[in-house]
Structure formats: structure tokens, C-alpha cells
Amino acid sequence: MIRKFEITGVHIDTDEKLKKYVHNKVAKLERYMPKHARTSAHVDVKLSESKNQKNKQCTAEIILYLPHEKLAAKESTVNLYAAIDIVEAKLTNQLRKYKDMYGSPKLYRRLTQKFKRRNINQI
């Protein structure tokens, strides 16, 4: 479970409905994390809104701090909820790559040994 969870709003009022939506979306990312990273992970969410005369831009940025890396994704759209959805999809892809790299040390060792053997046999 993600223990530290911060939501910051810039030029926007973050009501309970929005906080609950963000919390549910980020909590879904937990299933893609390795088990050792779940307890020490923390999330920083920054939501901002800029109103120009012509259009309104909503920006969602989520920074996920994990033991070996810091994963970040940022998106700007007209709708804030759509920006949160897109950022969640980006972080899902990044977490899959993170889990492949740092997930299981035995698996990593097994794969590197397999590739070393292939390279030796080809020489």
C-alpha cells in the first residue's frame, strides 16, 4: 500500500470528489509494482489549471518515488479527468518496465545467464 500520498492543486480547488478519483487511479498502479517497492513508494500529484481567453488547459503530473528510480508523467488537456487517465496509462507502462528490471533478482540472474550462454556458444 502506498503510504505517502500528496495532492497539490495550483489555481484549482481540489474537492473530495477529485481527490477520491485521483486516489483510486493511483491505487490501481500498485498492482504493477514489485512487492518490495509497495511499502516504501510515495506519490506526489500536482494538478493545475490555466485559463486563457481562448482555451482552458488542465495539467496533471504524477511523480512516483520508488526504491531505485523516480517515475514521472505529465499531460495537458482540456479536461482534468482525461489528463489523469492519460497519466495513469503512461505510468502503467513505466511501471511494467521497472518491474521487469527490478522485480525478481533470481529472474534477472536467470535471464542474464541464459544470454551469456548464447553469446558464448555463438563465438
N, C-alpha and C. Protein backbone atom coordinates (compact mmCIF):
# COMPACT_ATOMS: atom_id res chain seq x y z
N MET A 1 0.84 -1.18 0.00
CA MET A 1 0.00 0.00 0.00
C MET A 1 0.88 1.24 0.00
N ILE A 2 0.51 2.20 -0.77
CA ILE A 2 1.25 3.45 -0.85
C ILE A 2 0.94 4.26 0.41
N ARG A 3 1.98 4.57 1.16
CA ARG A 3 1.77 5.21 2.46
C ARG A 3 1.68 6.73 2.35
N LYS A 4 2.55 7.33 1.58
CA LYS A 4 2.57 8.78 1.48
C LYS A 4 1.93 9.19 0.16
N PHE A 5 0.94 10.03 0.26
CA PHE A 5 0.16 10.41 -0.91
C PHE A 5 -0.16 11.90 -0.81
N GLU A 6 0.39 12.71 -1.69
CA GLU A 6 0.19 14.16 -1.64
C GLU A 6 -0.49 14.64 -2.92
N ILE A 7 -1.54 15.42 -2.75
CA ILE A 7 -2.24 16.02 -3.89
C ILE A 7 -2.16 17.53 -3.72
N THR A 8 -1.61 18.21 -4.73
CA THR A 8 -1.46 19.65 -4.71
C THR A 8 -2.21 20.24 -5.89
N GLY A 9 -2.98 21.27 -5.63
CA GLY A 9 -3.71 21.95 -6.70
C GLY A 9 -3.18 23.36 -6.89
N VAL A 10 -2.90 23.72 -8.13
CA VAL A 10 -2.42 25.05 -8.46
C VAL A 10 -3.50 25.73 -9.30
N HIS A 11 -4.05 26.81 -8.79
CA HIS A 11 -5.14 27.54 -9.44
C HIS A 11 -6.39 26.68 -9.63
N ILE A 12 -6.56 25.70 -8.76
CA ILE A 12 -7.72 24.82 -8.85
C ILE A 12 -8.07 24.37 -7.43
N ASP A 13 -9.35 24.22 -7.19
CA ASP A 13 -9.81 23.75 -5.89
C ASP A 13 -9.95 22.23 -5.95
N THR A 14 -9.18 21.53 -5.13
CA THR A 14 -9.23 20.07 -5.13
C THR A 14 -10.27 19.63 -4.11
N ASP A 15 -11.44 19.31 -4.59
CA ASP A 15 -12.51 18.87 -3.70
C ASP A 15 -12.38 17.37 -3.42
N GLU A 16 -13.24 16.86 -2.58
CA GLU A 16 -13.16 15.45 -2.18
C GLU A 16 -13.41 14.50 -3.34
N LYS A 17 -14.28 14.88 -4.26
CA LYS A 17 -14.57 14.03 -5.42
C LYS A 17 -13.32 13.85 -6.29
N LEU A 18 -12.61 14.94 -6.53
CA LEU A 18 -11.39 14.89 -7.34
C LEU A 18 -10.29 14.11 -6.63
N LYS A 19 -10.15 14.32 -5.33
CA LYS A 19 -9.13 13.60 -4.56
C LYS A 19 -9.41 12.10 -4.56
N LYS A 20 -10.66 11.73 -4.42
CA LYS A 20 -11.03 10.31 -4.43
C LYS A 20 -10.74 9.70 -5.80
N TYR A 21 -11.04 10.43 -6.88
CA TYR A 21 -10.79 9.94 -8.23
C TYR A 21 -9.30 9.70 -8.45
N VAL A 22 -8.48 10.66 -8.05
CA VAL A 22 -7.03 10.53 -8.22
C VAL A 22 -6.51 9.38 -7.37
N HIS A 23 -7.00 9.27 -6.15
CA HIS A 23 -6.54 8.21 -5.26
C HIS A 23 -6.87 6.83 -5.83
N ASN A 24 -8.07 6.66 -6.39
CA ASN A 24 -8.45 5.38 -7.00
C ASN A 24 -7.59 5.06 -8.21
N LYS A 25 -7.30 6.05 -9.03
CA LYS A 25 -6.47 5.82 -10.22
C LYS A 25 -5.04 5.44 -9.85
N VAL A 26 -4.49 6.12 -8.87
CA VAL A 26 -3.11 5.84 -8.48
C VAL A 26 -3.03 4.52 -7.72
N ALA A 27 -4.07 4.17 -6.97
CA ALA A 27 -4.07 2.91 -6.25
C ALA A 27 -4.06 1.72 -7.21
N LYS A 28 -4.60 1.88 -8.40
CA LYS A 28 -4.56 0.81 -9.40
C LYS A 28 -3.14 0.54 -9.88
N LEU A 29 -2.27 1.52 -9.77
CA LEU A 29 -0.88 1.34 -10.20
C LEU A 29 -0.13 0.39 -9.28
N GLU A 30 -0.65 0.18 -8.10
CA GLU A 30 0.04 -0.65 -7.11
C GLU A 30 0.19 -2.10 -7.57
N ARG A 31 -0.73 -2.57 -8.38
CA ARG A 31 -0.64 -3.97 -8.84
C ARG A 31 0.53 -4.20 -9.79
N TYR A 32 1.07 -3.14 -10.37
CA TYR A 32 2.20 -3.28 -11.29
C TYR A 32 3.55 -3.12 -10.58
N MET A 33 3.53 -2.77 -9.30
CA MET A 33 4.78 -2.58 -8.55
C MET A 33 5.26 -3.91 -7.99
N PRO A 34 6.57 -4.08 -7.89
CA PRO A 34 7.09 -5.26 -7.18
C PRO A 34 6.72 -5.17 -5.70
N LYS A 35 6.68 -6.31 -5.04
CA LYS A 35 6.24 -6.34 -3.65
C LYS A 35 7.15 -5.52 -2.73
N HIS A 36 8.45 -5.55 -2.99
CA HIS A 36 9.37 -4.82 -2.12
C HIS A 36 9.22 -3.31 -2.25
N ALA A 37 8.68 -2.84 -3.36
CA ALA A 37 8.56 -1.40 -3.59
C ALA A 37 7.26 -0.81 -3.07
N ARG A 38 6.29 -1.65 -2.76
CA ARG A 38 4.97 -1.14 -2.36
C ARG A 38 5.00 -0.41 -1.03
N THR A 39 5.78 -0.87 -0.09
CA THR A 39 5.77 -0.25 1.23
C THR A 39 6.52 1.07 1.27
N SER A 40 7.55 1.22 0.46
CA SER A 40 8.36 2.43 0.51
C SER A 40 8.00 3.44 -0.58
N ALA A 41 7.04 3.15 -1.43
CA ALA A 41 6.67 4.07 -2.51
C ALA A 41 5.83 5.22 -1.96
N HIS A 42 6.04 6.40 -2.54
CA HIS A 42 5.15 7.52 -2.25
C HIS A 42 4.91 8.32 -3.52
N VAL A 43 3.76 9.00 -3.53
CA VAL A 43 3.26 9.64 -4.74
C VAL A 43 3.07 11.13 -4.49
N ASP A 44 3.44 11.92 -5.48
CA ASP A 44 3.21 13.36 -5.45
C ASP A 44 2.40 13.73 -6.69
N VAL A 45 1.20 14.25 -6.48
CA VAL A 45 0.30 14.59 -7.58
C VAL A 45 0.15 16.10 -7.63
N LYS A 46 0.38 16.68 -8.80
CA LYS A 46 0.22 18.12 -8.99
C LYS A 46 -0.82 18.36 -10.08
N LEU A 47 -1.88 19.03 -9.72
CA LEU A 47 -2.94 19.37 -10.65
C LEU A 47 -2.98 20.88 -10.81
N SER A 48 -3.01 21.33 -12.07
CA SER A 48 -3.03 22.77 -12.29
C SER A 48 -3.99 23.09 -13.44
N GLU A 49 -4.43 24.35 -13.42
CA GLU A 49 -5.37 24.80 -14.44
C GLU A 49 -4.97 26.21 -14.85
N SER A 50 -4.89 26.43 -16.16
CA SER A 50 -4.58 27.75 -16.67
C SER A 50 -5.70 28.17 -17.60
N LYS A 51 -6.22 29.34 -17.36
CA LYS A 51 -7.33 29.86 -18.16
C LYS A 51 -6.84 31.02 -19.01
N ASN A 52 -6.84 30.80 -20.29
CA ASN A 52 -6.54 31.87 -21.25
C ASN A 52 -7.86 32.38 -21.79
N GLN A 53 -7.79 33.41 -22.60
CA GLN A 53 -9.01 33.93 -23.20
C GLN A 53 -9.60 32.95 -24.21
N LYS A 54 -8.74 32.20 -24.88
CA LYS A 54 -9.22 31.31 -25.92
C LYS A 54 -9.58 29.92 -25.39
N ASN A 55 -8.74 29.37 -24.55
CA ASN A 55 -8.99 28.00 -24.11
C ASN A 55 -8.55 27.78 -22.67
N LYS A 56 -8.95 26.65 -22.14
CA LYS A 56 -8.60 26.26 -20.77
C LYS A 56 -7.72 25.03 -20.86
N GLN A 57 -6.58 25.03 -20.19
CA GLN A 57 -5.67 23.90 -20.16
C GLN A 57 -5.57 23.36 -18.74
N CYS A 58 -5.79 22.08 -18.60
CA CYS A 58 -5.65 21.41 -17.31
C CYS A 58 -4.45 20.47 -17.41
N THR A 59 -3.58 20.53 -16.43
CA THR A 59 -2.37 19.73 -16.42
C THR A 59 -2.36 18.82 -15.20
N ALA A 60 -2.06 17.55 -15.43
CA ALA A 60 -1.91 16.59 -14.35
C ALA A 60 -0.50 16.01 -14.43
N GLU A 61 0.19 16.05 -13.29
CA GLU A 61 1.55 15.50 -13.21
C GLU A 61 1.61 14.60 -11.99
N ILE A 62 2.07 13.37 -12.20
CA ILE A 62 2.21 12.41 -11.11
C ILE A 62 3.66 11.97 -11.07
N ILE A 63 4.25 12.09 -9.89
CA ILE A 63 5.62 11.64 -9.66
C ILE A 63 5.56 10.50 -8.65
N LEU A 64 6.11 9.37 -9.05
CA LEU A 64 6.08 8.17 -8.22
C LEU A 64 7.51 7.85 -7.80
N TYR A 65 7.75 7.92 -6.49
CA TYR A 65 9.09 7.66 -5.95
C TYR A 65 9.17 6.20 -5.53
N LEU A 66 10.07 5.46 -6.15
CA LEU A 66 10.29 4.04 -5.88
C LEU A 66 11.72 3.85 -5.36
N PRO A 67 12.06 2.68 -4.82
CA PRO A 67 13.40 2.50 -4.23
C PRO A 67 14.58 2.78 -5.16
N HIS A 68 14.51 2.41 -6.42
CA HIS A 68 15.67 2.60 -7.31
C HIS A 68 15.49 3.75 -8.29
N GLU A 69 14.27 4.19 -8.51
CA GLU A 69 14.03 5.20 -9.52
C GLU A 69 12.92 6.14 -9.12
N LYS A 70 12.79 7.21 -9.90
CA LYS A 70 11.69 8.14 -9.77
C LYS A 70 10.97 8.16 -11.12
N LEU A 71 9.70 7.78 -11.14
CA LEU A 71 8.92 7.75 -12.36
C LEU A 71 8.01 8.96 -12.40
N ALA A 72 7.93 9.62 -13.54
CA ALA A 72 7.11 10.82 -13.66
C ALA A 72 6.39 10.81 -15.00
N ALA A 73 5.17 11.36 -14.97
CA ALA A 73 4.39 11.51 -16.19
C ALA A 73 3.59 12.80 -16.08
N LYS A 74 3.44 13.49 -17.21
CA LYS A 74 2.75 14.77 -17.23
C LYS A 74 1.91 14.86 -18.50
N GLU A 75 0.72 15.43 -18.37
CA GLU A 75 -0.16 15.56 -19.54
C GLU A 75 -1.04 16.79 -19.38
N SER A 76 -1.28 17.49 -20.49
CA SER A 76 -2.16 18.66 -20.51
C SER A 76 -3.27 18.44 -21.51
N THR A 77 -4.51 18.61 -21.07
CA THR A 77 -5.68 18.50 -21.93
C THR A 77 -6.71 19.53 -21.49
N VAL A 78 -7.85 19.52 -22.14
CA VAL A 78 -8.94 20.43 -21.80
C VAL A 78 -9.65 19.97 -20.53
N ASN A 79 -9.75 18.66 -20.34
CA ASN A 79 -10.46 18.09 -19.20
C ASN A 79 -9.45 17.52 -18.21
N LEU A 80 -9.61 17.83 -16.95
CA LEU A 80 -8.68 17.37 -15.93
C LEU A 80 -8.76 15.86 -15.72
N TYR A 81 -9.95 15.31 -15.75
CA TYR A 81 -10.12 13.87 -15.57
C TYR A 81 -9.48 13.07 -16.70
N ALA A 82 -9.55 13.59 -17.91
CA ALA A 82 -8.90 12.93 -19.05
C ALA A 82 -7.38 12.97 -18.89
N ALA A 83 -6.86 14.08 -18.39
CA ALA A 83 -5.41 14.18 -18.17
C ALA A 83 -4.94 13.17 -17.13
N ILE A 84 -5.74 12.97 -16.09
CA ILE A 84 -5.38 11.99 -15.06
C ILE A 84 -5.38 10.59 -15.64
N ASP A 85 -6.35 10.27 -16.49
CA ASP A 85 -6.42 8.95 -17.12
C ASP A 85 -5.19 8.70 -18.01
N ILE A 86 -4.80 9.69 -18.78
CA ILE A 86 -3.65 9.53 -19.68
C ILE A 86 -2.36 9.36 -18.88
N VAL A 87 -2.22 10.11 -17.80
CA VAL A 87 -1.02 10.00 -16.96
C VAL A 87 -0.97 8.62 -16.31
N GLU A 88 -2.12 8.10 -15.91
CA GLU A 88 -2.15 6.75 -15.33
C GLU A 88 -1.68 5.71 -16.33
N ALA A 89 -2.10 5.84 -17.59
CA ALA A 89 -1.68 4.90 -18.63
C ALA A 89 -0.16 4.99 -18.87
N LYS A 90 0.38 6.19 -18.86
CA LYS A 90 1.82 6.36 -19.05
C LYS A 90 2.61 5.73 -17.91
N LEU A 91 2.13 5.93 -16.68
CA LEU A 91 2.83 5.35 -15.54
C LEU A 91 2.72 3.83 -15.51
N THR A 92 1.62 3.30 -16.01
CA THR A 92 1.47 1.85 -16.09
C THR A 92 2.57 1.24 -16.96
N ASN A 93 2.82 1.85 -18.10
CA ASN A 93 3.88 1.36 -18.99
C ASN A 93 5.25 1.48 -18.33
N GLN A 94 5.49 2.58 -17.65
CA GLN A 94 6.78 2.77 -16.99
C GLN A 94 6.96 1.76 -15.86
N LEU A 95 5.88 1.47 -15.13
CA LEU A 95 5.97 0.51 -14.03
C LEU A 95 6.21 -0.91 -14.52
N ARG A 96 5.66 -1.25 -15.67
CA ARG A 96 5.93 -2.58 -16.24
C ARG A 96 7.41 -2.74 -16.55
N LYS A 97 8.01 -1.72 -17.11
CA LYS A 97 9.44 -1.77 -17.41
C LYS A 97 10.26 -1.82 -16.11
N TYR A 98 9.83 -1.05 -15.11
CA TYR A 98 10.51 -1.06 -13.81
C TYR A 98 10.44 -2.44 -13.18
N LYS A 99 9.29 -3.07 -13.25
CA LYS A 99 9.13 -4.39 -12.64
C LYS A 99 9.97 -5.43 -13.36
N ASP A 100 10.09 -5.31 -14.67
CA ASP A 100 10.96 -6.23 -15.41
C ASP A 100 12.41 -6.09 -14.97
N MET A 101 12.81 -4.87 -14.69
CA MET A 101 14.20 -4.63 -14.34
C MET A 101 14.51 -4.97 -12.88
N TYR A 102 13.63 -4.57 -11.97
CA TYR A 102 13.92 -4.72 -10.55
C TYR A 102 13.00 -5.70 -9.83
N GLY A 103 12.16 -6.41 -10.55
CA GLY A 103 11.16 -7.26 -9.92
C GLY A 103 11.71 -8.41 -9.12
N SER A 104 12.35 -9.34 -9.76
CA SER A 104 12.86 -10.52 -9.08
C SER A 104 14.33 -10.70 -9.41
N PRO A 105 15.19 -10.66 -8.40
CA PRO A 105 16.62 -10.81 -8.71
C PRO A 105 16.96 -12.19 -9.27
N LYS A 106 16.23 -13.22 -8.85
CA LYS A 106 16.50 -14.55 -9.37
C LYS A 106 16.16 -14.63 -10.86
N LEU A 107 15.05 -14.02 -11.23
CA LEU A 107 14.67 -14.00 -12.64
C LEU A 107 15.71 -13.23 -13.45
N TYR A 108 16.16 -12.10 -12.94
CA TYR A 108 17.16 -11.31 -13.65
C TYR A 108 18.45 -12.11 -13.83
N ARG A 109 18.89 -12.79 -12.79
CA ARG A 109 20.10 -13.61 -12.91
C ARG A 109 19.91 -14.74 -13.90
N ARG A 110 18.74 -15.36 -13.87
CA ARG A 110 18.47 -16.46 -14.78
C ARG A 110 18.50 -15.99 -16.23
N LEU A 111 17.93 -14.82 -16.50
CA LEU A 111 17.92 -14.30 -17.86
C LEU A 111 19.32 -13.90 -18.33
N THR A 112 20.09 -13.28 -17.46
CA THR A 112 21.44 -12.88 -17.87
C THR A 112 22.32 -14.09 -18.13
N GLN A 113 22.16 -15.14 -17.34
CA GLN A 113 22.93 -16.37 -17.57
C GLN A 113 22.55 -17.00 -18.90
N LYS A 114 21.27 -16.94 -19.23
CA LYS A 114 20.81 -17.52 -20.50
C LYS A 114 21.43 -16.78 -21.68
N PHE A 115 21.48 -15.43 -21.60
CA PHE A 115 22.05 -14.66 -22.70
C PHE A 115 23.57 -14.82 -22.76
N LYS A 116 24.21 -14.97 -21.62
CA LYS A 116 25.66 -15.20 -21.62
C LYS A 116 25.99 -16.52 -22.28
N ARG A 117 25.19 -17.55 -21.99
CA ARG A 117 25.44 -18.86 -22.61
C ARG A 117 25.24 -18.79 -24.11
N ARG A 118 24.24 -18.07 -24.58
CA ARG A 118 24.00 -17.95 -26.01
C ARG A 118 25.16 -17.25 -26.69
N ASN A 119 25.69 -16.20 -26.07
CA ASN A 119 26.81 -15.47 -26.66
C ASN A 119 28.08 -16.31 -26.69
N ILE A 120 28.30 -17.12 -25.68
CA ILE A 120 29.48 -17.98 -25.64
C ILE A 120 29.38 -19.06 -26.72
N ASN A 121 28.20 -19.64 -26.89
CA ASN A 121 28.01 -20.70 -27.90
C ASN A 121 28.14 -20.15 -29.31
N GLN A 122 27.82 -18.89 -29.53
CA GLN A 122 27.92 -18.32 -30.87
C GLN A 122 29.36 -18.00 -31.25
N ILE A 123 30.20 -17.82 -30.29
CA ILE A 123 31.61 -17.46 -30.58
C ILE A 123 32.41 -18.64 -31.00
